[in-house]
Amino acid sequence: MIIARNDMVVVIAGDDKGKTGKVLKVFPKKSRIVVEKVNFVKRHTRPTRTGMQGGILEKEAPVHVSDVMLLCPKCDVGVRVGVKQLSDGSKVRVCRKCGEMIPRP
């Protein structure tokens, strides 16, 4: 997956279109990610032990990777990302708009 944990992304589809946030979790097998303050769902919980309060909690739900774009630090917009191999054999992510390397967090 090109998108990793702690990357900044912008949502390009859905109810939260246009919002930006940090990636909290990545699920590569399902091609989904959890983005901070995006795609909130209400979870009805029951108090499980004494002293714990039940109720309606709001938390982030996973979104599909195709619904987000990586945020380029130089362009400061959502961009398509390419992969370039350096002379030492390591691979780096590259912004398709400006050609700048996007470091892994």
PDB file of N, CA and C in Angstrom:
ATOM      1  N   MET A   1       0.834  -1.194   0.000  1.00  0.00           N
ATOM      2  CA  MET A   1       0.000   0.000   0.000  1.00  0.00           C
ATOM      3  C   MET A   1       0.871   1.248   0.000  1.00  0.00           C
ATOM      4  N   ILE A   2       0.455   2.232  -0.754  1.00  0.00           N
ATOM      5  CA  ILE A   2       1.225   3.471  -0.830  1.00  0.00           C
ATOM      6  C   ILE A   2       0.969   4.341   0.396  1.00  0.00           C
ATOM      7  N   ILE A   3      -0.227   4.275   0.947  1.00  0.00           N
ATOM      8  CA  ILE A   3      -0.566   5.088   2.109  1.00  0.00           C
ATOM      9  C   ILE A   3      -0.187   4.332   3.378  1.00  0.00           C
ATOM     10  N   ALA A   4       0.499   5.022   4.284  1.00  0.00           N
ATOM     11  CA  ALA A   4       0.960   4.414   5.529  1.00  0.00           C
ATOM     12  C   ALA A   4       0.385   5.171   6.723  1.00  0.00           C
ATOM     13  N   ARG A   5       0.573   4.604   7.906  1.00  0.00           N
ATOM     14  CA  ARG A   5       0.110   5.233   9.131  1.00  0.00           C
ATOM     15  C   ARG A   5       0.818   6.575   9.338  1.00  0.00           C
ATOM     16  N   ASN A   6       0.117   7.556   9.881  1.00  0.00           N
ATOM     17  CA  ASN A   6       0.592   8.921  10.157  1.00  0.00           C
ATOM     18  C   ASN A   6       0.778   9.774   8.904  1.00  0.00           C
ATOM     19  N   ASP A   7       0.342   9.305   7.721  1.00  0.00           N
ATOM     20  CA  ASP A   7       0.333  10.127   6.510  1.00  0.00           C
ATOM     21  C   ASP A   7      -0.828  11.118   6.591  1.00  0.00           C
ATOM     22  N   MET A   8      -0.682  12.257   5.929  1.00  0.00           N
ATOM     23  CA  MET A   8      -1.778  13.207   5.801  1.00  0.00           C
ATOM     24  C   MET A   8      -2.478  12.931   4.475  1.00  0.00           C
ATOM     25  N   VAL A   9      -3.816  12.799   4.524  1.00  0.00           N
ATOM     26  CA  VAL A   9      -4.592  12.509   3.322  1.00  0.00           C
ATOM     27  C   VAL A   9      -5.763  13.473   3.216  1.00  0.00           C
ATOM     28  N   VAL A  10      -6.310  13.599   2.006  1.00  0.00           N
ATOM     29  CA  VAL A  10      -7.506  14.393   1.763  1.00  0.00           C
ATOM     30  C   VAL A  10      -8.559  13.465   1.174  1.00  0.00           C
ATOM     31  N   VAL A  11      -9.793  13.585   1.658  1.00  0.00           N
ATOM     32  CA  VAL A  11     -10.888  12.734   1.197  1.00  0.00           C
ATOM     33  C   VAL A  11     -11.426  13.306  -0.106  1.00  0.00           C
ATOM     34  N   ILE A  12     -11.581  12.452  -1.130  1.00  0.00           N
ATOM     35  CA  ILE A  12     -12.017  12.931  -2.444  1.00  0.00           C
ATOM     36  C   ILE A  12     -13.404  12.421  -2.824  1.00  0.00           C
ATOM     37  N   ALA A  13     -14.024  11.578  -1.970  1.00  0.00           N
ATOM     38  CA  ALA A  13     -15.351  11.045  -2.279  1.00  0.00           C
ATOM     39  C   ALA A  13     -16.111  10.784  -0.989  1.00  0.00           C
ATOM     40  N   GLY A  14     -17.422  10.860  -1.077  1.00  0.00           N
ATOM     41  CA  GLY A  14     -18.269  10.547   0.066  1.00  0.00           C
ATOM     42  C   GLY A  14     -18.770  11.786   0.788  1.00  0.00           C
ATOM     43  N   ASP A  15     -19.380  11.556   1.946  1.00  0.00           N
ATOM     44  CA  ASP A  15     -19.963  12.651   2.726  1.00  0.00           C
ATOM     45  C   ASP A  15     -18.913  13.614   3.265  1.00  0.00           C
ATOM     46  N   ASP A  16     -17.707  13.133   3.519  1.00  0.00           N
ATOM     47  CA  ASP A  16     -16.652  13.960   4.096  1.00  0.00           C
ATOM     48  C   ASP A  16     -15.680  14.488   3.044  1.00  0.00           C
ATOM     49  N   LYS A  17     -16.150  14.633   1.814  1.00  0.00           N
ATOM     50  CA  LYS A  17     -15.313  15.092   0.708  1.00  0.00           C
ATOM     51  C   LYS A  17     -14.700  16.457   1.034  1.00  0.00           C
ATOM     52  N   GLY A  18     -13.386  16.572   0.827  1.00  0.00           N
ATOM     53  CA  GLY A  18     -12.687  17.828   1.071  1.00  0.00           C
ATOM     54  C   GLY A  18     -11.987  17.898   2.414  1.00  0.00           C
ATOM     55  N   LYS A  19     -12.313  17.010   3.335  1.00  0.00           N
ATOM     56  CA  LYS A  19     -11.685  17.030   4.658  1.00  0.00           C
ATOM     57  C   LYS A  19     -10.296  16.403   4.584  1.00  0.00           C
ATOM     58  N   THR A  20      -9.401  16.915   5.424  1.00  0.00           N
ATOM     59  CA  THR A  20      -8.069  16.343   5.525  1.00  0.00           C
ATOM     60  C   THR A  20      -7.874  15.778   6.923  1.00  0.00           C
ATOM     61  N   GLY A  21      -7.003  14.793   7.024  1.00  0.00           N
ATOM     62  CA  GLY A  21      -6.740  14.205   8.322  1.00  0.00           C
ATOM     63  C   GLY A  21      -5.564  13.253   8.274  1.00  0.00           C
ATOM     64  N   LYS A  22      -5.160  12.817   9.457  1.00  0.00           N
ATOM     65  CA  LYS A  22      -4.031  11.905   9.595  1.00  0.00           C
ATOM     66  C   LYS A  22      -4.543  10.476   9.614  1.00  0.00           C
ATOM     67  N   VAL A  23      -3.813   9.575   8.987  1.00  0.00           N
ATOM     68  CA  VAL A  23      -4.188   8.166   8.948  1.00  0.00           C
ATOM     69  C   VAL A  23      -3.841   7.537  10.301  1.00  0.00           C
ATOM     70  N   LEU A  24      -4.865   6.943  10.946  1.00  0.00           N
ATOM     71  CA  LEU A  24      -4.672   6.328  12.254  1.00  0.00           C
ATOM     72  C   LEU A  24      -4.361   4.841  12.152  1.00  0.00           C
ATOM     73  N   LYS A  25      -5.072   4.127  11.279  1.00  0.00           N
ATOM     74  CA  LYS A  25      -4.882   2.687  11.113  1.00  0.00           C
ATOM     75  C   LYS A  25      -4.933   2.337   9.639  1.00  0.00           C
ATOM     76  N   VAL A  26      -4.253   1.262   9.267  1.00  0.00           N
ATOM     77  CA  VAL A  26      -4.238   0.786   7.891  1.00  0.00           C
ATOM     78  C   VAL A  26      -4.590  -0.696   7.892  1.00  0.00           C
ATOM     79  N   PHE A  27      -5.543  -1.083   7.028  1.00  0.00           N
ATOM     80  CA  PHE A  27      -5.939  -2.480   6.850  1.00  0.00           C
ATOM     81  C   PHE A  27      -5.643  -2.878   5.404  1.00  0.00           C
ATOM     82  N   PRO A  28      -4.408  -3.352   5.107  1.00  0.00           N
ATOM     83  CA  PRO A  28      -4.025  -3.619   3.721  1.00  0.00           C
ATOM     84  C   PRO A  28      -4.829  -4.718   3.049  1.00  0.00           C
ATOM     85  N   LYS A  29      -5.210  -5.768   3.780  1.00  0.00           N
ATOM     86  CA  LYS A  29      -5.960  -6.866   3.162  1.00  0.00           C
ATOM     87  C   LYS A  29      -7.343  -6.429   2.710  1.00  0.00           C
ATOM     88  N   LYS A  30      -7.943  -5.463   3.425  1.00  0.00           N
ATOM     89  CA  LYS A  30      -9.272  -4.968   3.080  1.00  0.00           C
ATOM     90  C   LYS A  30      -9.218  -3.696   2.243  1.00  0.00           C
ATOM     91  N   SER A  31      -8.022  -3.164   2.002  1.00  0.00           N
ATOM     92  CA  SER A  31      -7.818  -1.892   1.274  1.00  0.00           C
ATOM     93  C   SER A  31      -8.583  -0.749   1.923  1.00  0.00           C
ATOM     94  N   ARG A  32      -8.519  -0.667   3.239  1.00  0.00           N
ATOM     95  CA  ARG A  32      -9.222   0.378   3.983  1.00  0.00           C
ATOM     96  C   ARG A  32      -8.283   1.042   4.977  1.00  0.00           C
ATOM     97  N   ILE A  33      -8.599   2.304   5.306  1.00  0.00           N
ATOM     98  CA  ILE A  33      -7.832   3.048   6.294  1.00  0.00           C
ATOM     99  C   ILE A  33      -8.789   3.799   7.209  1.00  0.00           C
ATOM    100  N   VAL A  34      -8.331   4.118   8.402  1.00  0.00           N
ATOM    101  CA  VAL A  34      -9.094   4.940   9.335  1.00  0.00           C
ATOM    102  C   VAL A  34      -8.408   6.298   9.378  1.00  0.00           C
ATOM    103  N   VAL A  35      -9.174   7.351   9.080  1.00  0.00           N
ATOM    104  CA  VAL A  35      -8.640   8.712   9.037  1.00  0.00           C
ATOM    105  C   VAL A  35      -9.216   9.495  10.211  1.00  0.00           C
ATOM    106  N   GLU A  36      -8.366  10.297  10.833  1.00  0.00           N
ATOM    107  CA  GLU A  36      -8.752  11.083  11.998  1.00  0.00           C
ATOM    108  C   GLU A  36      -9.845  12.097  11.646  1.00  0.00           C
ATOM    109  N   LYS A  37     -10.928  12.095  12.400  1.00  0.00           N
ATOM    110  CA  LYS A  37     -12.060  13.024  12.271  1.00  0.00           C
ATOM    111  C   LYS A  37     -12.793  12.921  10.930  1.00  0.00           C
ATOM    112  N   VAL A  38     -12.803  11.711  10.340  1.00  0.00           N
ATOM    113  CA  VAL A  38     -13.489  11.479   9.067  1.00  0.00           C
ATOM    114  C   VAL A  38     -14.329  10.221   9.192  1.00  0.00           C
ATOM    115  N   ASN A  39     -15.541  10.228   8.612  1.00  0.00           N
ATOM    116  CA  ASN A  39     -16.443   9.076   8.571  1.00  0.00           C
ATOM    117  C   ASN A  39     -16.853   8.612   9.966  1.00  0.00           C
ATOM    118  N   PHE A  40     -17.433   9.523  10.735  1.00  0.00           N
ATOM    119  CA  PHE A  40     -17.908   9.192  12.076  1.00  0.00           C
ATOM    120  C   PHE A  40     -19.163   8.337  12.008  1.00  0.00           C
ATOM    121  N   VAL A  41     -19.225   7.311  12.859  1.00  0.00           N
ATOM    122  CA  VAL A  41     -20.409   6.475  13.013  1.00  0.00           C
ATOM    123  C   VAL A  41     -20.779   6.445  14.491  1.00  0.00           C
ATOM    124  N   LYS A  42     -22.063   6.181  14.749  1.00  0.00           N
ATOM    125  CA  LYS A  42     -22.519   6.083  16.133  1.00  0.00           C
ATOM    126  C   LYS A  42     -22.528   4.623  16.545  1.00  0.00           C
ATOM    127  N   ARG A  43     -21.922   4.347  17.684  1.00  0.00           N
ATOM    128  CA  ARG A  43     -21.837   2.987  18.205  1.00  0.00           C
ATOM    129  C   ARG A  43     -22.601   2.934  19.515  1.00  0.00           C
ATOM    130  N   HIS A  44     -23.639   2.091  19.565  1.00  0.00           N
ATOM    131  CA  HIS A  44     -24.442   1.942  20.771  1.00  0.00           C
ATOM    132  C   HIS A  44     -23.786   0.894  21.655  1.00  0.00           C
ATOM    133  N   THR A  45     -23.389   1.300  22.849  1.00  0.00           N
ATOM    134  CA  THR A  45     -22.687   0.380  23.733  1.00  0.00           C
ATOM    135  C   THR A  45     -23.474   0.144  25.014  1.00  0.00           C
ATOM    136  N   ARG A  46     -23.287  -1.023  25.560  1.00  0.00           N
ATOM    137  CA  ARG A  46     -23.917  -1.425  26.810  1.00  0.00           C
ATOM    138  C   ARG A  46     -22.850  -1.396  27.896  1.00  0.00           C
ATOM    139  N   PRO A  47     -23.209  -0.978  29.108  1.00  0.00           N
ATOM    140  CA  PRO A  47     -22.209  -1.026  30.182  1.00  0.00           C
ATOM    141  C   PRO A  47     -21.831  -2.485  30.468  1.00  0.00           C
ATOM    142  N   THR A  48     -20.553  -2.800  30.392  1.00  0.00           N
ATOM    143  CA  THR A  48     -20.120  -4.187  30.526  1.00  0.00           C
ATOM    144  C   THR A  48     -19.805  -4.583  31.963  1.00  0.00           C
ATOM    145  N   ARG A  49     -19.281  -3.687  32.760  1.00  0.00           N
ATOM    146  CA  ARG A  49     -19.006  -4.019  34.167  1.00  0.00           C
ATOM    147  C   ARG A  49     -19.448  -2.867  35.052  1.00  0.00           C
ATOM    148  N   THR A  50     -19.456  -3.074  36.322  1.00  0.00           N
ATOM    149  CA  THR A  50     -19.932  -2.054  37.253  1.00  0.00           C
ATOM    150  C   THR A  50     -19.045  -0.815  37.180  1.00  0.00           C
ATOM    151  N   GLY A  51     -19.680   0.321  37.160  1.00  0.00           N
ATOM    152  CA  GLY A  51     -18.964   1.586  37.091  1.00  0.00           C
ATOM    153  C   GLY A  51     -18.729   2.087  35.676  1.00  0.00           C
ATOM    154  N   MET A  52     -18.861   1.215  34.669  1.00  0.00           N
ATOM    155  CA  MET A  52     -18.671   1.644  33.286  1.00  0.00           C
ATOM    156  C   MET A  52     -19.996   2.127  32.722  1.00  0.00           C
ATOM    157  N   GLN A  53     -19.953   3.245  32.030  1.00  0.00           N
ATOM    158  CA  GLN A  53     -21.166   3.851  31.515  1.00  0.00           C
ATOM    159  C   GLN A  53     -21.400   3.435  30.063  1.00  0.00           C
ATOM    160  N   GLY A  54     -22.631   3.096  29.748  1.00  0.00           N
ATOM    161  CA  GLY A  54     -23.007   2.784  28.379  1.00  0.00           C
ATOM    162  C   GLY A  54     -23.534   4.027  27.691  1.00  0.00           C
ATOM    163  N   GLY A  55     -23.929   3.893  26.447  1.00  0.00           N
ATOM    164  CA  GLY A  55     -24.490   5.031  25.731  1.00  0.00           C
ATOM    165  C   GLY A  55     -24.118   4.978  24.262  1.00  0.00           C
ATOM    166  N   ILE A  56     -24.231   6.128  23.623  1.00  0.00           N
ATOM    167  CA  ILE A  56     -23.935   6.237  22.197  1.00  0.00           C
ATOM    168  C   ILE A  56     -22.576   6.911  22.053  1.00  0.00           C
ATOM    169  N   LEU A  57     -21.632   6.189  21.469  1.00  0.00           N
ATOM    170  CA  LEU A  57     -20.294   6.717  21.240  1.00  0.00           C
ATOM    171  C   LEU A  57     -20.115   7.003  19.757  1.00  0.00           C
ATOM    172  N   GLU A  58     -19.362   8.055  19.445  1.00  0.00           N
ATOM    173  CA  GLU A  58     -19.027   8.346  18.064  1.00  0.00           C
ATOM    174  C   GLU A  58     -17.569   8.004  17.842  1.00  0.00           C
ATOM    175  N   LYS A  59     -17.300   7.260  16.759  1.00  0.00           N
ATOM    176  CA  LYS A  59     -15.921   6.916  16.444  1.00  0.00           C
ATOM    177  C   LYS A  59     -15.744   6.868  14.935  1.00  0.00           C
ATOM    178  N   GLU A  60     -14.475   6.872  14.509  1.00  0.00           N
ATOM    179  CA  GLU A  60     -14.170   6.854  13.087  1.00  0.00           C
ATOM    180  C   GLU A  60     -14.307   5.437  12.535  1.00  0.00           C
ATOM    181  N   ALA A  61     -14.912   5.328  11.370  1.00  0.00           N
ATOM    182  CA  ALA A  61     -15.034   4.051  10.685  1.00  0.00           C
ATOM    183  C   ALA A  61     -14.053   4.045   9.508  1.00  0.00           C
ATOM    184  N   PRO A  62     -13.645   2.864   9.051  1.00  0.00           N
ATOM    185  CA  PRO A  62     -12.701   2.806   7.928  1.00  0.00           C
ATOM    186  C   PRO A  62     -13.316   3.315   6.620  1.00  0.00           C
ATOM    187  N   VAL A  63     -12.478   3.929   5.786  1.00  0.00           N
ATOM    188  CA  VAL A  63     -12.865   4.346   4.441  1.00  0.00           C
ATOM    189  C   VAL A  63     -11.971   3.608   3.449  1.00  0.00           C
ATOM    190  N   HIS A  64     -12.440   3.469   2.222  1.00  0.00           N
ATOM    191  CA  HIS A  64     -11.660   2.766   1.203  1.00  0.00           C
ATOM    192  C   HIS A  64     -10.492   3.637   0.756  1.00  0.00           C
ATOM    193  N   VAL A  65      -9.396   2.993   0.427  1.00  0.00           N
ATOM    194  CA  VAL A  65      -8.183   3.711   0.028  1.00  0.00           C
ATOM    195  C   VAL A  65      -8.411   4.543  -1.229  1.00  0.00           C
ATOM    196  N   SER A  66      -9.305   4.090  -2.113  1.00  0.00           N
ATOM    197  CA  SER A  66      -9.550   4.824  -3.351  1.00  0.00           C
ATOM    198  C   SER A  66     -10.323   6.127  -3.115  1.00  0.00           C
ATOM    199  N   ASP A  67     -10.863   6.317  -1.919  1.00  0.00           N
ATOM    200  CA  ASP A  67     -11.599   7.537  -1.603  1.00  0.00           C
ATOM    201  C   ASP A  67     -10.724   8.627  -1.012  1.00  0.00           C
ATOM    202  N   VAL A  68      -9.430   8.395  -0.904  1.00  0.00           N
ATOM    203  CA  VAL A  68      -8.514   9.402  -0.354  1.00  0.00           C
ATOM    204  C   VAL A  68      -7.324   9.583  -1.276  1.00  0.00           C
ATOM    205  N   MET A  69      -6.681  10.751  -1.158  1.00  0.00           N
ATOM    206  CA  MET A  69      -5.438  11.032  -1.888  1.00  0.00           C
ATOM    207  C   MET A  69      -4.405  11.509  -0.885  1.00  0.00           C
ATOM    208  N   LEU A  70      -3.169  11.143  -1.129  1.00  0.00           N
ATOM    209  CA  LEU A  70      -2.068  11.558  -0.282  1.00  0.00           C
ATOM    210  C   LEU A  70      -1.837  13.055  -0.445  1.00  0.00           C
ATOM    211  N   LEU A  71      -1.549  13.735   0.657  1.00  0.00           N
ATOM    212  CA  LEU A  71      -1.324  15.176   0.643  1.00  0.00           C
ATOM    213  C   LEU A  71       0.168  15.425   0.436  1.00  0.00           C
ATOM    214  N   CYS A  72       0.523  16.124  -0.633  1.00  0.00           N
ATOM    215  CA  CYS A  72       1.930  16.448  -0.916  1.00  0.00           C
ATOM    216  C   CYS A  72       2.351  17.605  -0.008  1.00  0.00           C
ATOM    217  N   PRO A  73       3.480  17.478   0.699  1.00  0.00           N
ATOM    218  CA  PRO A  73       3.908  18.566   1.585  1.00  0.00           C
ATOM    219  C   PRO A  73       4.295  19.838   0.833  1.00  0.00           C
ATOM    220  N   LYS A  74       4.769  19.703  -0.406  1.00  0.00           N
ATOM    221  CA  LYS A  74       5.180  20.886  -1.182  1.00  0.00           C
ATOM    222  C   LYS A  74       3.980  21.547  -1.862  1.00  0.00           C
ATOM    223  N   CYS A  75       3.148  20.740  -2.540  1.00  0.00           N
ATOM    224  CA  CYS A  75       1.981  21.272  -3.265  1.00  0.00           C
ATOM    225  C   CYS A  75       0.858  21.662  -2.305  1.00  0.00           C
ATOM    226  N   ASP A  76       0.749  20.965  -1.183  1.00  0.00           N
ATOM    227  CA  ASP A  76      -0.303  21.146  -0.171  1.00  0.00           C
ATOM    228  C   ASP A  76      -1.694  20.854  -0.739  1.00  0.00           C
ATOM    229  N   VAL A  77      -1.770  19.911  -1.676  1.00  0.00           N
ATOM    230  CA  VAL A  77      -3.045  19.435  -2.222  1.00  0.00           C
ATOM    231  C   VAL A  77      -2.962  17.912  -2.347  1.00  0.00           C
ATOM    232  N   GLY A  78      -4.098  17.275  -2.557  1.00  0.00           N
ATOM    233  CA  GLY A  78      -4.110  15.839  -2.801  1.00  0.00           C
ATOM    234  C   GLY A  78      -3.533  15.542  -4.167  1.00  0.00           C
ATOM    235  N   VAL A  79      -2.609  14.592  -4.225  1.00  0.00           N
ATOM    236  CA  VAL A  79      -1.924  14.283  -5.481  1.00  0.00           C
ATOM    237  C   VAL A  79      -1.882  12.783  -5.724  1.00  0.00           C
ATOM    238  N   ARG A  80      -1.702  12.422  -7.001  1.00  0.00           N
ATOM    239  CA  ARG A  80      -1.424  11.036  -7.338  1.00  0.00           C
ATOM    240  C   ARG A  80       0.029  10.761  -6.975  1.00  0.00           C
ATOM    241  N   VAL A  81       0.303   9.508  -6.643  1.00  0.00           N
ATOM    242  CA  VAL A  81       1.622   9.163  -6.147  1.00  0.00           C
ATOM    243  C   VAL A  81       2.238   8.090  -7.036  1.00  0.00           C
ATOM    244  N   GLY A  82       3.510   8.277  -7.368  1.00  0.00           N
ATOM    245  CA  GLY A  82       4.261   7.275  -8.104  1.00  0.00           C
ATOM    246  C   GLY A  82       5.349   6.702  -7.215  1.00  0.00           C
ATOM    247  N   VAL A  83       5.929   5.605  -7.645  1.00  0.00           N
ATOM    248  CA  VAL A  83       7.021   4.985  -6.898  1.00  0.00           C
ATOM    249  C   VAL A  83       8.260   5.018  -7.777  1.00  0.00           C
ATOM    250  N   LYS A  84       9.360   5.530  -7.210  1.00  0.00           N
ATOM    251  CA  LYS A  84      10.609   5.656  -7.950  1.00  0.00           C
ATOM    252  C   LYS A  84      11.686   4.868  -7.217  1.00  0.00           C
ATOM    253  N   GLN A  85      12.528   4.181  -7.982  1.00  0.00           N
ATOM    254  CA  GLN A  85      13.598   3.410  -7.375  1.00  0.00           C
ATOM    255  C   GLN A  85      14.886   4.224  -7.437  1.00  0.00           C
ATOM    256  N   LEU A  86      15.526   4.380  -6.297  1.00  0.00           N
ATOM    257  CA  LEU A  86      16.769   5.138  -6.226  1.00  0.00           C
ATOM    258  C   LEU A  86      17.943   4.259  -6.642  1.00  0.00           C
ATOM    259  N   SER A  87      19.115   4.888  -6.777  1.00  0.00           N
ATOM    260  CA  SER A  87      20.297   4.155  -7.234  1.00  0.00           C
ATOM    261  C   SER A  87      20.751   3.092  -6.236  1.00  0.00           C
ATOM    262  N   ASP A  88      20.444   3.288  -4.948  1.00  0.00           N
ATOM    263  CA  ASP A  88      20.842   2.289  -3.947  1.00  0.00           C
ATOM    264  C   ASP A  88      19.835   1.133  -3.843  1.00  0.00           C
ATOM    265  N   GLY A  89      18.770   1.174  -4.645  1.00  0.00           N
ATOM    266  CA  GLY A  89      17.804   0.080  -4.680  1.00  0.00           C
ATOM    267  C   GLY A  89      16.563   0.306  -3.838  1.00  0.00           C
ATOM    268  N   SER A  90      16.535   1.356  -3.012  1.00  0.00           N
ATOM    269  CA  SER A  90      15.353   1.620  -2.182  1.00  0.00           C
ATOM    270  C   SER A  90      14.284   2.336  -2.997  1.00  0.00           C
ATOM    271  N   LYS A  91      13.040   2.123  -2.619  1.00  0.00           N
ATOM    272  CA  LYS A  91      11.917   2.740  -3.322  1.00  0.00           C
ATOM    273  C   LYS A  91      11.377   3.900  -2.507  1.00  0.00           C
ATOM    274  N   VAL A  92      11.019   4.996  -3.176  1.00  0.00           N
ATOM    275  CA  VAL A  92      10.453   6.168  -2.525  1.00  0.00           C
ATOM    276  C   VAL A  92       9.176   6.583  -3.248  1.00  0.00           C
ATOM    277  N   ARG A  93       8.290   7.251  -2.517  1.00  0.00           N
ATOM    278  CA  ARG A  93       7.060   7.774  -3.112  1.00  0.00           C
ATOM    279  C   ARG A  93       7.353   9.137  -3.718  1.00  0.00           C
ATOM    280  N   VAL A  94       6.751   9.399  -4.892  1.00  0.00           N
ATOM    281  CA  VAL A  94       7.011  10.642  -5.613  1.00  0.00           C
ATOM    282  C   VAL A  94       5.689  11.282  -5.996  1.00  0.00           C
ATOM    283  N   CYS A  95       5.590  12.598  -5.795  1.00  0.00           N
ATOM    284  CA  CYS A  95       4.409  13.366  -6.202  1.00  0.00           C
ATOM    285  C   CYS A  95       4.392  13.458  -7.720  1.00  0.00           C
ATOM    286  N   ARG A  96       3.249  13.138  -8.335  1.00  0.00           N
ATOM    287  CA  ARG A  96       3.132  13.195  -9.798  1.00  0.00           C
ATOM    288  C   ARG A  96       2.983  14.618 -10.307  1.00  0.00           C
ATOM    289  N   LYS A  97       2.662  15.552  -9.406  1.00  0.00           N
ATOM    290  CA  LYS A  97       2.432  16.934  -9.822  1.00  0.00           C
ATOM    291  C   LYS A  97       3.744  17.726  -9.863  1.00  0.00           C
ATOM    292  N   CYS A  98       4.507  17.667  -8.769  1.00  0.00           N
ATOM    293  CA  CYS A  98       5.723  18.489  -8.685  1.00  0.00           C
ATOM    294  C   CYS A  98       7.007  17.662  -8.739  1.00  0.00           C
ATOM    295  N   GLY A  99       6.913  16.345  -8.617  1.00  0.00           N
ATOM    296  CA  GLY A  99       8.099  15.493  -8.669  1.00  0.00           C
ATOM    297  C   GLY A  99       8.853  15.381  -7.353  1.00  0.00           C
ATOM    298  N   GLU A 100       8.319  15.998  -6.305  1.00  0.00           N
ATOM    299  CA  GLU A 100       8.959  15.971  -4.989  1.00  0.00           C
ATOM    300  C   GLU A 100       8.798  14.608  -4.332  1.00  0.00           C
ATOM    301  N   MET A 101       9.856  14.171  -3.592  1.00  0.00           N
ATOM    302  CA  MET A 101       9.766  12.921  -2.848  1.00  0.00           C
ATOM    303  C   MET A 101       8.868  13.112  -1.632  1.00  0.00           C
ATOM    304  N   ILE A 102       8.017  12.136  -1.368  1.00  0.00           N
ATOM    305  CA  ILE A 102       7.151  12.180  -0.189  1.00  0.00           C
ATOM    306  C   ILE A 102       7.694  11.145   0.796  1.00  0.00           C
ATOM    307  N   PRO A 103       8.280  11.616   1.909  1.00  0.00           N
ATOM    308  CA  PRO A 103       8.901  10.677   2.846  1.00  0.00           C
ATOM    309  C   PRO A 103       7.862   9.837   3.595  1.00  0.00           C
ATOM    310  N   ARG A 104       8.281   8.634   3.981  1.00  0.00           N
ATOM    311  CA  ARG A 104       7.412   7.790   4.815  1.00  0.00           C
ATOM    312  C   ARG A 104       7.458   8.347   6.235  1.00  0.00           C
ATOM    313  N   PRO A 105       6.318   8.378   6.923  1.00  0.00           N
ATOM    314  CA  PRO A 105       6.314   8.928   8.286  1.00  0.00           C
ATOM    315  C   PRO A 105       7.041   8.035   9.276  1.00  0.00           C
TER     316      PRO A 105
END
